[in-house]
Amino acid sequence: MAKCEEGYLCEVCGRDVENITESDLYLRYVIGLVDPEVLHTSRERHIRCNPSLAQFIVADDFEPVAVEGPFDKRQLDPAYVRQRESLVTRGWRRLK
């Protein structure tokens, strides 16, 4: 957890996660991937610094993220991708 004067620093890029709409941690919390009991001890990241999750946000006001390799959603089961896109996009909209 970050010191108060530092804010919440992204564990990937090291920059400040300035607001909740950029927070991978809170997005994962909202969609049920982070237990409330560990929320305060979990590391923070920008949503875009976690491309394997960010690729599932499908919205006009979110620039698409592409992942190369085995976690590329284009290589996954289409039914799973639709389900994941629905869940993650709803969670992201809720953060906004």
Protein backbone atom coordinates (compact mmCIF):
# COMPACT_ATOMS: atom_id res chain seq x y z
CA MET A 1 0.00 0.00 0.00
CA ALA A 2 1.27 3.46 -0.88
CA LYS A 3 2.28 6.09 1.61
CA CYS A 4 -0.29 8.90 1.85
CA GLU A 5 2.03 11.54 0.41
CA GLU A 6 2.90 9.33 -2.58
CA GLY A 7 -0.61 8.49 -3.72
CA TYR A 8 -1.21 5.15 -5.36
CA LEU A 9 1.68 4.21 -7.59
CA CYS A 10 1.31 1.73 -10.46
CA GLU A 11 3.41 -1.36 -9.85
CA VAL A 12 4.07 -1.64 -13.61
CA CYS A 13 4.97 1.88 -14.80
CA GLY A 14 5.60 3.58 -11.45
CA ARG A 15 3.37 6.59 -12.21
CA ASP A 16 0.53 7.77 -10.00
CA VAL A 17 -2.89 6.19 -10.56
CA GLU A 18 -4.64 9.54 -10.33
CA ASN A 19 -8.28 8.49 -10.20
CA ILE A 20 -10.48 5.47 -9.77
CA THR A 21 -11.45 5.34 -13.45
CA GLU A 22 -7.82 4.41 -14.24
CA SER A 23 -7.54 1.83 -11.46
CA ASP A 24 -7.04 -1.81 -12.39
CA LEU A 25 -7.35 -2.73 -8.71
CA TYR A 26 -10.79 -1.18 -8.33
CA LEU A 27 -11.95 -2.51 -11.68
CA ARG A 28 -11.01 -6.01 -10.56
CA TYR A 29 -12.75 -5.36 -7.22
CA VAL A 30 -15.96 -4.17 -8.91
CA ILE A 31 -16.13 -7.27 -11.14
CA GLY A 32 -15.45 -9.63 -8.26
CA LEU A 33 -11.81 -10.59 -8.87
CA VAL A 34 -10.46 -8.96 -5.69
CA ASP A 35 -11.76 -9.94 -2.26
CA PRO A 36 -12.70 -6.93 -0.09
CA GLU A 37 -10.51 -8.35 2.68
CA VAL A 38 -7.35 -7.90 0.59
CA LEU A 39 -8.27 -4.71 -1.25
CA HIS A 40 -6.22 -2.51 1.10
CA THR A 41 -3.11 -4.71 0.79
CA SER A 42 -3.20 -5.24 -2.98
CA ARG A 43 -0.88 -3.44 -5.38
CA GLU A 44 -2.26 -0.83 -7.75
CA ARG A 45 -1.93 -0.61 -11.55
CA HIS A 46 -3.38 1.48 -14.33
CA ILE A 47 -6.01 -0.40 -16.31
CA ARG A 48 -3.85 -0.07 -19.42
CA CYS A 49 -0.87 -1.52 -17.52
CA ASN A 50 -2.83 -4.77 -17.32
CA PRO A 51 -3.55 -5.37 -21.02
CA SER A 52 -4.80 -8.93 -20.50
CA LEU A 53 -7.79 -7.42 -18.64
CA ALA A 54 -8.02 -4.07 -20.49
CA GLN A 55 -8.50 -5.82 -23.84
CA PHE A 56 -11.98 -6.83 -22.68
CA ILE A 57 -13.22 -3.24 -22.31
CA VAL A 58 -15.32 -2.50 -25.36
CA ALA A 59 -16.58 1.09 -25.31
CA ASP A 60 -16.50 4.05 -27.67
CA ASP A 61 -14.71 6.16 -25.05
CA PHE A 62 -12.00 3.57 -24.32
CA GLU A 63 -9.20 3.10 -26.83
CA PRO A 64 -8.93 -0.63 -27.58
CA VAL A 65 -6.02 -2.57 -26.15
CA ALA A 66 -4.47 -5.45 -28.10
CA VAL A 67 -2.56 -8.33 -26.56
CA GLU A 68 -0.14 -10.47 -28.52
CA GLY A 69 0.41 -14.08 -27.58
CA PRO A 70 -1.55 -16.77 -25.78
CA PHE A 71 -3.75 -14.34 -23.81
CA ASP A 72 -4.93 -12.48 -26.92
CA LYS A 73 -8.72 -12.52 -26.80
CA ARG A 74 -8.79 -13.17 -30.55
CA GLN A 75 -7.35 -16.62 -29.80
CA LEU A 76 -9.85 -17.47 -27.06
CA ASP A 77 -13.26 -19.11 -27.21
CA PRO A 78 -15.75 -16.56 -28.66
CA ALA A 79 -18.40 -17.32 -26.00
CA TYR A 80 -15.87 -16.72 -23.22
CA VAL A 81 -14.73 -13.49 -24.88
CA ARG A 82 -18.32 -12.16 -25.13
CA GLN A 83 -18.95 -12.99 -21.48
CA ARG A 84 -15.68 -11.40 -20.36
CA GLU A 85 -16.23 -8.29 -22.50
CA SER A 86 -19.67 -7.85 -21.00
CA LEU A 87 -18.42 -8.23 -17.41
CA VAL A 88 -15.30 -6.06 -17.71
CA THR A 89 -17.00 -3.34 -19.75
CA ARG A 90 -19.88 -3.12 -17.25
CA GLY A 91 -17.36 -2.89 -14.41
CA TRP A 92 -15.41 -0.14 -16.17
CA ARG A 93 -18.59 1.84 -16.83
CA ARG A 94 -19.50 1.49 -13.18
CA LEU A 95 -16.13 3.00 -12.20
CA LYS A 96 -16.81 5.95 -14.46
